[in-house]
Amino acid sequence: TRPFGSQIGAWSSPQSSIISSRSILETKLDEMKRKFKKGGVPLPSFWGGFRITPETVEFWQGGQNRIHDRFLYSKSDDIGWNLNRLAP
């Protein structure tokens, strides 16, 4: 669960919309604090997101003469993550 301030912030800010001043956001934030002061902030209908559950993650660091460092982390049910070094 996100912190209370982040939850009401989602209600207060029409993300990426043009606004005339910061005070509009601050006024809306104060309004949402009063509206949801007892908690239980519902998810706004206009809000969305993605949950990403990685199975593998690769880190690459460039090196001289094309001898790069590559590390592959693979999710494992029994031990968490396996780490392998990959050839460049």
PDB file of N, CA and C in Angstrom:
ATOM      1  N   THR A   1       0.849  -1.184   0.000  1.00  0.00           N
ATOM      2  CA  THR A   1       0.000   0.000   0.000  1.00  0.00           C
ATOM      3  C   THR A   1       0.889   1.240   0.000  1.00  0.00           C
ATOM      4  N   ARG A   2       0.507   2.176  -0.810  1.00  0.00           N
ATOM      5  CA  ARG A   2       1.278   3.421  -0.898  1.00  0.00           C
ATOM      6  C   ARG A   2       0.985   4.302   0.313  1.00  0.00           C
ATOM      7  N   PRO A   3       1.922   5.179   0.682  1.00  0.00           N
ATOM      8  CA  PRO A   3       1.681   6.098   1.795  1.00  0.00           C
ATOM      9  C   PRO A   3       0.463   6.992   1.526  1.00  0.00           C
ATOM     10  N   PHE A   4      -0.188   7.433   2.602  1.00  0.00           N
ATOM     11  CA  PHE A   4      -1.384   8.275   2.502  1.00  0.00           C
ATOM     12  C   PHE A   4      -1.148   9.482   1.599  1.00  0.00           C
ATOM     13  N   GLY A   5      -0.008  10.158   1.777  1.00  0.00           N
ATOM     14  CA  GLY A   5       0.287  11.341   0.967  1.00  0.00           C
ATOM     15  C   GLY A   5       0.344  11.037  -0.521  1.00  0.00           C
ATOM     16  N   SER A   6       0.896   9.884  -0.874  1.00  0.00           N
ATOM     17  CA  SER A   6       0.951   9.491  -2.285  1.00  0.00           C
ATOM     18  C   SER A   6      -0.435   9.165  -2.818  1.00  0.00           C
ATOM     19  N   GLN A   7      -1.261   8.546  -1.975  1.00  0.00           N
ATOM     20  CA  GLN A   7      -2.621   8.201  -2.402  1.00  0.00           C
ATOM     21  C   GLN A   7      -3.452   9.450  -2.685  1.00  0.00           C
ATOM     22  N   ILE A   8      -3.398  10.425  -1.782  1.00  0.00           N
ATOM     23  CA  ILE A   8      -4.193  11.635  -2.031  1.00  0.00           C
ATOM     24  C   ILE A   8      -3.547  12.504  -3.105  1.00  0.00           C
ATOM     25  N   GLY A   9      -2.231  12.361  -3.263  1.00  0.00           N
ATOM     26  CA  GLY A   9      -1.557  13.071  -4.344  1.00  0.00           C
ATOM     27  C   GLY A   9      -2.069  12.635  -5.705  1.00  0.00           C
ATOM     28  N   ALA A  10      -2.391  11.346  -5.837  1.00  0.00           N
ATOM     29  CA  ALA A  10      -2.942  10.840  -7.098  1.00  0.00           C
ATOM     30  C   ALA A  10      -4.287  11.494  -7.401  1.00  0.00           C
ATOM     31  N   TRP A  11      -5.077  11.734  -6.375  1.00  0.00           N
ATOM     32  CA  TRP A  11      -6.376  12.404  -6.551  1.00  0.00           C
ATOM     33  C   TRP A  11      -6.201  13.894  -6.842  1.00  0.00           C
ATOM     34  N   SER A  12      -5.105  14.466  -6.387  1.00  0.00           N
ATOM     35  CA  SER A  12      -4.902  15.916  -6.460  1.00  0.00           C
ATOM     36  C   SER A  12      -4.275  16.397  -7.758  1.00  0.00           C
ATOM     37  N   SER A  13      -3.597  15.509  -8.452  1.00  0.00           N
ATOM     38  CA  SER A  13      -2.800  15.931  -9.600  1.00  0.00           C
ATOM     39  C   SER A  13      -3.251  15.268 -10.897  1.00  0.00           C
ATOM     40  N   PRO A  14      -3.763  16.055 -11.831  1.00  0.00           N
ATOM     41  CA  PRO A  14      -4.096  15.507 -13.154  1.00  0.00           C
ATOM     42  C   PRO A  14      -2.804  15.351 -13.965  1.00  0.00           C
ATOM     43  N   GLN A  15      -2.080  14.267 -13.715  1.00  0.00           N
ATOM     44  CA  GLN A  15      -0.720  14.100 -14.218  1.00  0.00           C
ATOM     45  C   GLN A  15      -0.581  14.445 -15.697  1.00  0.00           C
ATOM     46  N   SER A  16       0.436  15.220 -15.993  1.00  0.00           N
ATOM     47  CA  SER A  16       0.822  15.660 -17.341  1.00  0.00           C
ATOM     48  C   SER A  16      -0.130  16.679 -17.949  1.00  0.00           C
ATOM     49  N   SER A  17      -1.146  17.098 -17.202  1.00  0.00           N
ATOM     50  CA  SER A  17      -2.035  18.160 -17.684  1.00  0.00           C
ATOM     51  C   SER A  17      -1.383  19.516 -17.430  1.00  0.00           C
ATOM     52  N   ILE A  18      -1.666  20.470 -18.285  1.00  0.00           N
ATOM     53  CA  ILE A  18      -1.160  21.829 -18.091  1.00  0.00           C
ATOM     54  C   ILE A  18      -1.980  22.497 -16.993  1.00  0.00           C
ATOM     55  N   ILE A  19      -1.285  23.102 -16.026  1.00  0.00           N
ATOM     56  CA  ILE A  19      -1.961  23.826 -14.948  1.00  0.00           C
ATOM     57  C   ILE A  19      -1.380  25.233 -14.884  1.00  0.00           C
ATOM     58  N   SER A  20      -2.161  26.153 -14.372  1.00  0.00           N
ATOM     59  CA  SER A  20      -1.723  27.550 -14.361  1.00  0.00           C
ATOM     60  C   SER A  20      -0.806  27.892 -13.192  1.00  0.00           C
ATOM     61  N   SER A  21      -0.889  27.100 -12.100  1.00  0.00           N
ATOM     62  CA  SER A  21      -0.033  27.407 -10.953  1.00  0.00           C
ATOM     63  C   SER A  21       0.062  26.217 -10.009  1.00  0.00           C
ATOM     64  N   ARG A  22       1.089  26.236  -9.197  1.00  0.00           N
ATOM     65  CA  ARG A  22       1.272  25.201  -8.182  1.00  0.00           C
ATOM     66  C   ARG A  22       0.183  25.276  -7.120  1.00  0.00           C
ATOM     67  N   SER A  23      -0.319  26.479  -6.872  1.00  0.00           N
ATOM     68  CA  SER A  23      -1.334  26.645  -5.826  1.00  0.00           C
ATOM     69  C   SER A  23      -2.595  25.831  -6.126  1.00  0.00           C
ATOM     70  N   ILE A  24      -2.880  25.584  -7.391  1.00  0.00           N
ATOM     71  CA  ILE A  24      -4.025  24.733  -7.748  1.00  0.00           C
ATOM     72  C   ILE A  24      -3.822  23.334  -7.165  1.00  0.00           C
ATOM     73  N   LEU A  25      -2.611  22.807  -7.296  1.00  0.00           N
ATOM     74  CA  LEU A  25      -2.311  21.480  -6.748  1.00  0.00           C
ATOM     75  C   LEU A  25      -2.385  21.480  -5.228  1.00  0.00           C
ATOM     76  N   GLU A  26      -1.850  22.507  -4.612  1.00  0.00           N
ATOM     77  CA  GLU A  26      -1.852  22.584  -3.150  1.00  0.00           C
ATOM     78  C   GLU A  26      -3.267  22.695  -2.602  1.00  0.00           C
ATOM     79  N   THR A  27      -4.123  23.463  -3.273  1.00  0.00           N
ATOM     80  CA  THR A  27      -5.523  23.591  -2.861  1.00  0.00           C
ATOM     81  C   THR A  27      -6.237  22.250  -2.985  1.00  0.00           C
ATOM     82  N   LYS A  28      -6.017  21.570  -4.103  1.00  0.00           N
ATOM     83  CA  LYS A  28      -6.649  20.267  -4.325  1.00  0.00           C
ATOM     84  C   LYS A  28      -6.138  19.243  -3.315  1.00  0.00           C
ATOM     85  N   LEU A  29      -4.846  19.301  -2.986  1.00  0.00           N
ATOM     86  CA  LEU A  29      -4.285  18.391  -1.996  1.00  0.00           C
ATOM     87  C   LEU A  29      -4.936  18.607  -0.633  1.00  0.00           C
ATOM     88  N   ASP A  30      -5.108  19.863  -0.227  1.00  0.00           N
ATOM     89  CA  ASP A  30      -5.779  20.162   1.042  1.00  0.00           C
ATOM     90  C   ASP A  30      -7.208  19.637   1.041  1.00  0.00           C
ATOM     91  N   GLU A  31      -7.890  19.784  -0.085  1.00  0.00           N
ATOM     92  CA  GLU A  31      -9.266  19.285  -0.218  1.00  0.00           C
ATOM     93  C   GLU A  31      -9.303  17.762  -0.060  1.00  0.00           C
ATOM     94  N   MET A  32      -8.361  17.069  -0.671  1.00  0.00           N
ATOM     95  CA  MET A  32      -8.327  15.605  -0.588  1.00  0.00           C
ATOM     96  C   MET A  32      -7.943  15.140   0.816  1.00  0.00           C
ATOM     97  N   LYS A  33      -7.090  15.898   1.512  1.00  0.00           N
ATOM     98  CA  LYS A  33      -6.745  15.563   2.901  1.00  0.00           C
ATOM     99  C   LYS A  33      -7.994  15.583   3.767  1.00  0.00           C
ATOM    100  N   ARG A  34      -8.837  16.603   3.561  1.00  0.00           N
ATOM    101  CA  ARG A  34     -10.085  16.693   4.337  1.00  0.00           C
ATOM    102  C   ARG A  34     -11.056  15.577   3.939  1.00  0.00           C
ATOM    103  N   LYS A  35     -11.174  15.329   2.654  1.00  0.00           N
ATOM    104  CA  LYS A  35     -12.131  14.330   2.159  1.00  0.00           C
ATOM    105  C   LYS A  35     -11.789  12.924   2.658  1.00  0.00           C
ATOM    106  N   PHE A  36     -10.491  12.591   2.663  1.00  0.00           N
ATOM    107  CA  PHE A  36     -10.080  11.233   3.018  1.00  0.00           C
ATOM    108  C   PHE A  36      -9.359  11.175   4.362  1.00  0.00           C
ATOM    109  N   LYS A  37      -9.662  12.116   5.271  1.00  0.00           N
ATOM    110  CA  LYS A  37      -8.925  12.196   6.534  1.00  0.00           C
ATOM    111  C   LYS A  37      -9.026  10.931   7.372  1.00  0.00           C
ATOM    112  N   LYS A  38     -10.068  10.135   7.174  1.00  0.00           N
ATOM    113  CA  LYS A  38     -10.217   8.898   7.943  1.00  0.00           C
ATOM    114  C   LYS A  38      -9.560   7.710   7.248  1.00  0.00           C
ATOM    115  N   GLY A  39      -8.873   7.959   6.142  1.00  0.00           N
ATOM    116  CA  GLY A  39      -8.200   6.880   5.420  1.00  0.00           C
ATOM    117  C   GLY A  39      -9.123   6.222   4.414  1.00  0.00           C
ATOM    118  N   GLY A  40      -8.761   5.026   4.001  1.00  0.00           N
ATOM    119  CA  GLY A  40      -9.573   4.304   3.028  1.00  0.00           C
ATOM    120  C   GLY A  40      -9.650   5.018   1.686  1.00  0.00           C
ATOM    121  N   VAL A  41      -8.524   5.517   1.203  1.00  0.00           N
ATOM    122  CA  VAL A  41      -8.500   6.264  -0.050  1.00  0.00           C
ATOM    123  C   VAL A  41      -8.680   5.285  -1.211  1.00  0.00           C
ATOM    124  N   PRO A  42      -9.766   5.423  -1.974  1.00  0.00           N
ATOM    125  CA  PRO A  42      -9.965   4.514  -3.106  1.00  0.00           C
ATOM    126  C   PRO A  42      -9.046   4.875  -4.274  1.00  0.00           C
ATOM    127  N   LEU A  43      -8.816   3.926  -5.129  1.00  0.00           N
ATOM    128  CA  LEU A  43      -8.020   4.160  -6.326  1.00  0.00           C
ATOM    129  C   LEU A  43      -8.824   5.012  -7.296  1.00  0.00           C
ATOM    130  N   PRO A  44      -8.279   6.135  -7.768  1.00  0.00           N
ATOM    131  CA  PRO A  44      -9.024   6.959  -8.728  1.00  0.00           C
ATOM    132  C   PRO A  44      -9.290   6.185 -10.018  1.00  0.00           C
ATOM    133  N   SER A  45     -10.434   6.411 -10.628  1.00  0.00           N
ATOM    134  CA  SER A  45     -10.783   5.700 -11.864  1.00  0.00           C
ATOM    135  C   SER A  45      -9.837   6.060 -13.003  1.00  0.00           C
ATOM    136  N   PHE A  46      -9.203   7.220 -12.924  1.00  0.00           N
ATOM    137  CA  PHE A  46      -8.304   7.673 -13.982  1.00  0.00           C
ATOM    138  C   PHE A  46      -6.858   7.241 -13.757  1.00  0.00           C
ATOM    139  N   TRP A  47      -6.601   6.512 -12.701  1.00  0.00           N
ATOM    140  CA  TRP A  47      -5.243   6.124 -12.349  1.00  0.00           C
ATOM    141  C   TRP A  47      -4.994   4.681 -12.756  1.00  0.00           C
ATOM    142  N   GLY A  48      -3.794   4.395 -13.179  1.00  0.00           N
ATOM    143  CA  GLY A  48      -3.445   3.025 -13.551  1.00  0.00           C
ATOM    144  C   GLY A  48      -1.972   2.774 -13.316  1.00  0.00           C
ATOM    145  N   GLY A  49      -1.584   1.578 -13.521  1.00  0.00           N
ATOM    146  CA  GLY A  49      -0.189   1.229 -13.342  1.00  0.00           C
ATOM    147  C   GLY A  49       0.071  -0.175 -13.837  1.00  0.00           C
ATOM    148  N   PHE A  50       1.303  -0.577 -13.741  1.00  0.00           N
ATOM    149  CA  PHE A  50       1.715  -1.905 -14.163  1.00  0.00           C
ATOM    150  C   PHE A  50       2.498  -2.557 -13.039  1.00  0.00           C
ATOM    151  N   ARG A  51       2.313  -3.832 -12.886  1.00  0.00           N
ATOM    152  CA  ARG A  51       3.143  -4.607 -11.969  1.00  0.00           C
ATOM    153  C   ARG A  51       4.038  -5.479 -12.840  1.00  0.00           C
ATOM    154  N   ILE A  52       5.321  -5.318 -12.671  1.00  0.00           N
ATOM    155  CA  ILE A  52       6.275  -6.090 -13.448  1.00  0.00           C
ATOM    156  C   ILE A  52       6.929  -7.103 -12.518  1.00  0.00           C
ATOM    157  N   THR A  53       6.877  -8.355 -12.902  1.00  0.00           N
ATOM    158  CA  THR A  53       7.494  -9.420 -12.132  1.00  0.00           C
ATOM    159  C   THR A  53       8.592 -10.042 -12.990  1.00  0.00           C
ATOM    160  N   PRO A  54       9.827  -9.607 -12.794  1.00  0.00           N
ATOM    161  CA  PRO A  54      10.901 -10.105 -13.657  1.00  0.00           C
ATOM    162  C   PRO A  54      11.248 -11.562 -13.376  1.00  0.00           C
ATOM    163  N   GLU A  55      11.608 -12.264 -14.430  1.00  0.00           N
ATOM    164  CA  GLU A  55      12.137 -13.620 -14.307  1.00  0.00           C
ATOM    165  C   GLU A  55      13.644 -13.620 -14.509  1.00  0.00           C
ATOM    166  N   THR A  56      14.120 -12.669 -15.333  1.00  0.00           N
ATOM    167  CA  THR A  56      15.554 -12.487 -15.527  1.00  0.00           C
ATOM    168  C   THR A  56      15.861 -10.997 -15.617  1.00  0.00           C
ATOM    169  N   VAL A  57      17.048 -10.641 -15.151  1.00  0.00           N
ATOM    170  CA  VAL A  57      17.534  -9.265 -15.259  1.00  0.00           C
ATOM    171  C   VAL A  57      19.008  -9.349 -15.645  1.00  0.00           C
ATOM    172  N   GLU A  58      19.389  -8.580 -16.677  1.00  0.00           N
ATOM    173  CA  GLU A  58      20.791  -8.569 -17.083  1.00  0.00           C
ATOM    174  C   GLU A  58      21.385  -7.187 -16.849  1.00  0.00           C
ATOM    175  N   PHE A  59      22.575  -7.173 -16.272  1.00  0.00           N
ATOM    176  CA  PHE A  59      23.336  -5.941 -16.095  1.00  0.00           C
ATOM    177  C   PHE A  59      24.541  -6.005 -17.029  1.00  0.00           C
ATOM    178  N   TRP A  60      24.777  -4.905 -17.730  1.00  0.00           N
ATOM    179  CA  TRP A  60      25.866  -4.818 -18.703  1.00  0.00           C
ATOM    180  C   TRP A  60      26.692  -3.594 -18.376  1.00  0.00           C
ATOM    181  N   GLN A  61      28.009  -3.778 -18.311  1.00  0.00           N
ATOM    182  CA  GLN A  61      28.915  -2.652 -18.092  1.00  0.00           C
ATOM    183  C   GLN A  61      30.006  -2.723 -19.147  1.00  0.00           C
ATOM    184  N   GLY A  62      30.112  -1.648 -19.925  1.00  0.00           N
ATOM    185  CA  GLY A  62      31.082  -1.616 -21.013  1.00  0.00           C
ATOM    186  C   GLY A  62      32.513  -1.667 -20.514  1.00  0.00           C
ATOM    187  N   GLY A  63      33.342  -2.381 -21.258  1.00  0.00           N
ATOM    188  CA  GLY A  63      34.752  -2.487 -20.919  1.00  0.00           C
ATOM    189  C   GLY A  63      35.620  -2.225 -22.144  1.00  0.00           C
ATOM    190  N   GLN A  64      36.908  -2.113 -21.937  1.00  0.00           N
ATOM    191  CA  GLN A  64      37.829  -1.867 -23.048  1.00  0.00           C
ATOM    192  C   GLN A  64      37.953  -3.102 -23.934  1.00  0.00           C
ATOM    193  N   ASN A  65      38.224  -2.856 -25.194  1.00  0.00           N
ATOM    194  CA  ASN A  65      38.453  -3.927 -26.170  1.00  0.00           C
ATOM    195  C   ASN A  65      37.282  -4.901 -26.271  1.00  0.00           C
ATOM    196  N   ARG A  66      36.105  -4.370 -26.041  1.00  0.00           N
ATOM    197  CA  ARG A  66      34.872  -5.160 -26.121  1.00  0.00           C
ATOM    198  C   ARG A  66      34.807  -6.276 -25.061  1.00  0.00           C
ATOM    199  N   ILE A  67      35.606  -6.164 -24.027  1.00  0.00           N
ATOM    200  CA  ILE A  67      35.551  -7.129 -22.921  1.00  0.00           C
ATOM    201  C   ILE A  67      34.640  -6.521 -21.852  1.00  0.00           C
ATOM    202  N   HIS A  68      33.354  -6.655 -22.093  1.00  0.00           N
ATOM    203  CA  HIS A  68      32.330  -6.083 -21.221  1.00  0.00           C
ATOM    204  C   HIS A  68      32.013  -7.042 -20.078  1.00  0.00           C
ATOM    205  N   ASP A  69      31.498  -6.510 -19.009  1.00  0.00           N
ATOM    206  CA  ASP A  69      30.961  -7.339 -17.927  1.00  0.00           C
ATOM    207  C   ASP A  69      29.465  -7.486 -18.138  1.00  0.00           C
ATOM    208  N   ARG A  70      29.008  -8.723 -18.139  1.00  0.00           N
ATOM    209  CA  ARG A  70      27.573  -9.014 -18.248  1.00  0.00           C
ATOM    210  C   ARG A  70      27.209  -9.998 -17.139  1.00  0.00           C
ATOM    211  N   PHE A  71      26.179  -9.645 -16.403  1.00  0.00           N
ATOM    212  CA  PHE A  71      25.710 -10.503 -15.322  1.00  0.00           C
ATOM    213  C   PHE A  71      24.229 -10.762 -15.514  1.00  0.00           C
ATOM    214  N   LEU A  72      23.842 -12.023 -15.442  1.00  0.00           N
ATOM    215  CA  LEU A  72      22.448 -12.411 -15.618  1.00  0.00           C
ATOM    216  C   LEU A  72      21.921 -12.983 -14.308  1.00  0.00           C
ATOM    217  N   TYR A  73      20.903 -12.336 -13.772  1.00  0.00           N
ATOM    218  CA  TYR A  73      20.200 -12.830 -12.590  1.00  0.00           C
ATOM    219  C   TYR A  73      18.937 -13.529 -13.074  1.00  0.00           C
ATOM    220  N   SER A  74      18.726 -14.771 -12.637  1.00  0.00           N
ATOM    221  CA  SER A  74      17.548 -15.550 -13.018  1.00  0.00           C
ATOM    222  C   SER A  74      16.800 -15.957 -11.762  1.00  0.00           C
ATOM    223  N   LYS A  75      15.491 -15.745 -11.765  1.00  0.00           N
ATOM    224  CA  LYS A  75      14.653 -16.074 -10.610  1.00  0.00           C
ATOM    225  C   LYS A  75      14.611 -17.578 -10.409  1.00  0.00           C
ATOM    226  N   SER A  76      14.769 -17.988  -9.163  1.00  0.00           N
ATOM    227  CA  SER A  76      14.734 -19.399  -8.807  1.00  0.00           C
ATOM    228  C   SER A  76      13.747 -19.579  -7.662  1.00  0.00           C
ATOM    229  N   ASP A  77      12.876 -20.559  -7.779  1.00  0.00           N
ATOM    230  CA  ASP A  77      11.873 -20.787  -6.735  1.00  0.00           C
ATOM    231  C   ASP A  77      12.497 -21.197  -5.403  1.00  0.00           C
ATOM    232  N   ASP A  78      13.603 -21.924  -5.454  1.00  0.00           N
ATOM    233  CA  ASP A  78      14.143 -22.470  -4.213  1.00  0.00           C
ATOM    234  C   ASP A  78      15.164 -21.577  -3.504  1.00  0.00           C
ATOM    235  N   ILE A  79      15.952 -20.785  -4.242  1.00  0.00           N
ATOM    236  CA  ILE A  79      16.987 -19.992  -3.567  1.00  0.00           C
ATOM    237  C   ILE A  79      16.898 -18.496  -3.835  1.00  0.00           C
ATOM    238  N   GLY A  80      15.892 -18.045  -4.503  1.00  0.00           N
ATOM    239  CA  GLY A  80      15.765 -16.617  -4.785  1.00  0.00           C
ATOM    240  C   GLY A  80      16.252 -16.279  -6.180  1.00  0.00           C
ATOM    241  N   TRP A  81      17.523 -15.895  -6.299  1.00  0.00           N
ATOM    242  CA  TRP A  81      18.094 -15.505  -7.593  1.00  0.00           C
ATOM    243  C   TRP A  81      19.403 -16.245  -7.832  1.00  0.00           C
ATOM    244  N   ASN A  82      19.577 -16.721  -9.064  1.00  0.00           N
ATOM    245  CA  ASN A  82      20.854 -17.285  -9.507  1.00  0.00           C
ATOM    246  C   ASN A  82      21.615 -16.194 -10.247  1.00  0.00           C
ATOM    247  N   LEU A  83      22.920 -16.146 -10.066  1.00  0.00           N
ATOM    248  CA  LEU A  83      23.764 -15.173 -10.753  1.00  0.00           C
ATOM    249  C   LEU A  83      24.741 -15.906 -11.654  1.00  0.00           C
ATOM    250  N   ASN A  84      24.771 -15.507 -12.925  1.00  0.00           N
ATOM    251  CA  ASN A  84      25.715 -16.062 -13.886  1.00  0.00           C
ATOM    252  C   ASN A  84      26.413 -14.937 -14.623  1.00  0.00           C
ATOM    253  N   ARG A  85      27.702 -15.140 -14.897  1.00  0.00           N
ATOM    254  CA  ARG A  85      28.448 -14.205 -15.737  1.00  0.00           C
ATOM    255  C   ARG A  85      28.290 -14.680 -17.176  1.00  0.00           C
ATOM    256  N   LEU A  86      28.015 -13.735 -18.082  1.00  0.00           N
ATOM    257  CA  LEU A  86      27.870 -14.047 -19.497  1.00  0.00           C
ATOM    258  C   LEU A  86      29.073 -13.529 -20.273  1.00  0.00           C
ATOM    259  N   ALA A  87      29.421 -14.229 -21.323  1.00  0.00           N
ATOM    260  CA  ALA A  87      30.476 -13.741 -22.215  1.00  0.00           C
ATOM    261  C   ALA A  87      29.942 -12.533 -22.972  1.00  0.00           C
ATOM    262  N   PRO A  88      30.823 -11.572 -23.256  1.00  0.00           N
ATOM    263  CA  PRO A  88      30.354 -10.393 -23.988  1.00  0.00           C
ATOM    264  C   PRO A  88      30.026 -10.756 -25.384  1.00  0.00           C
TER     265      PRO A  88
END
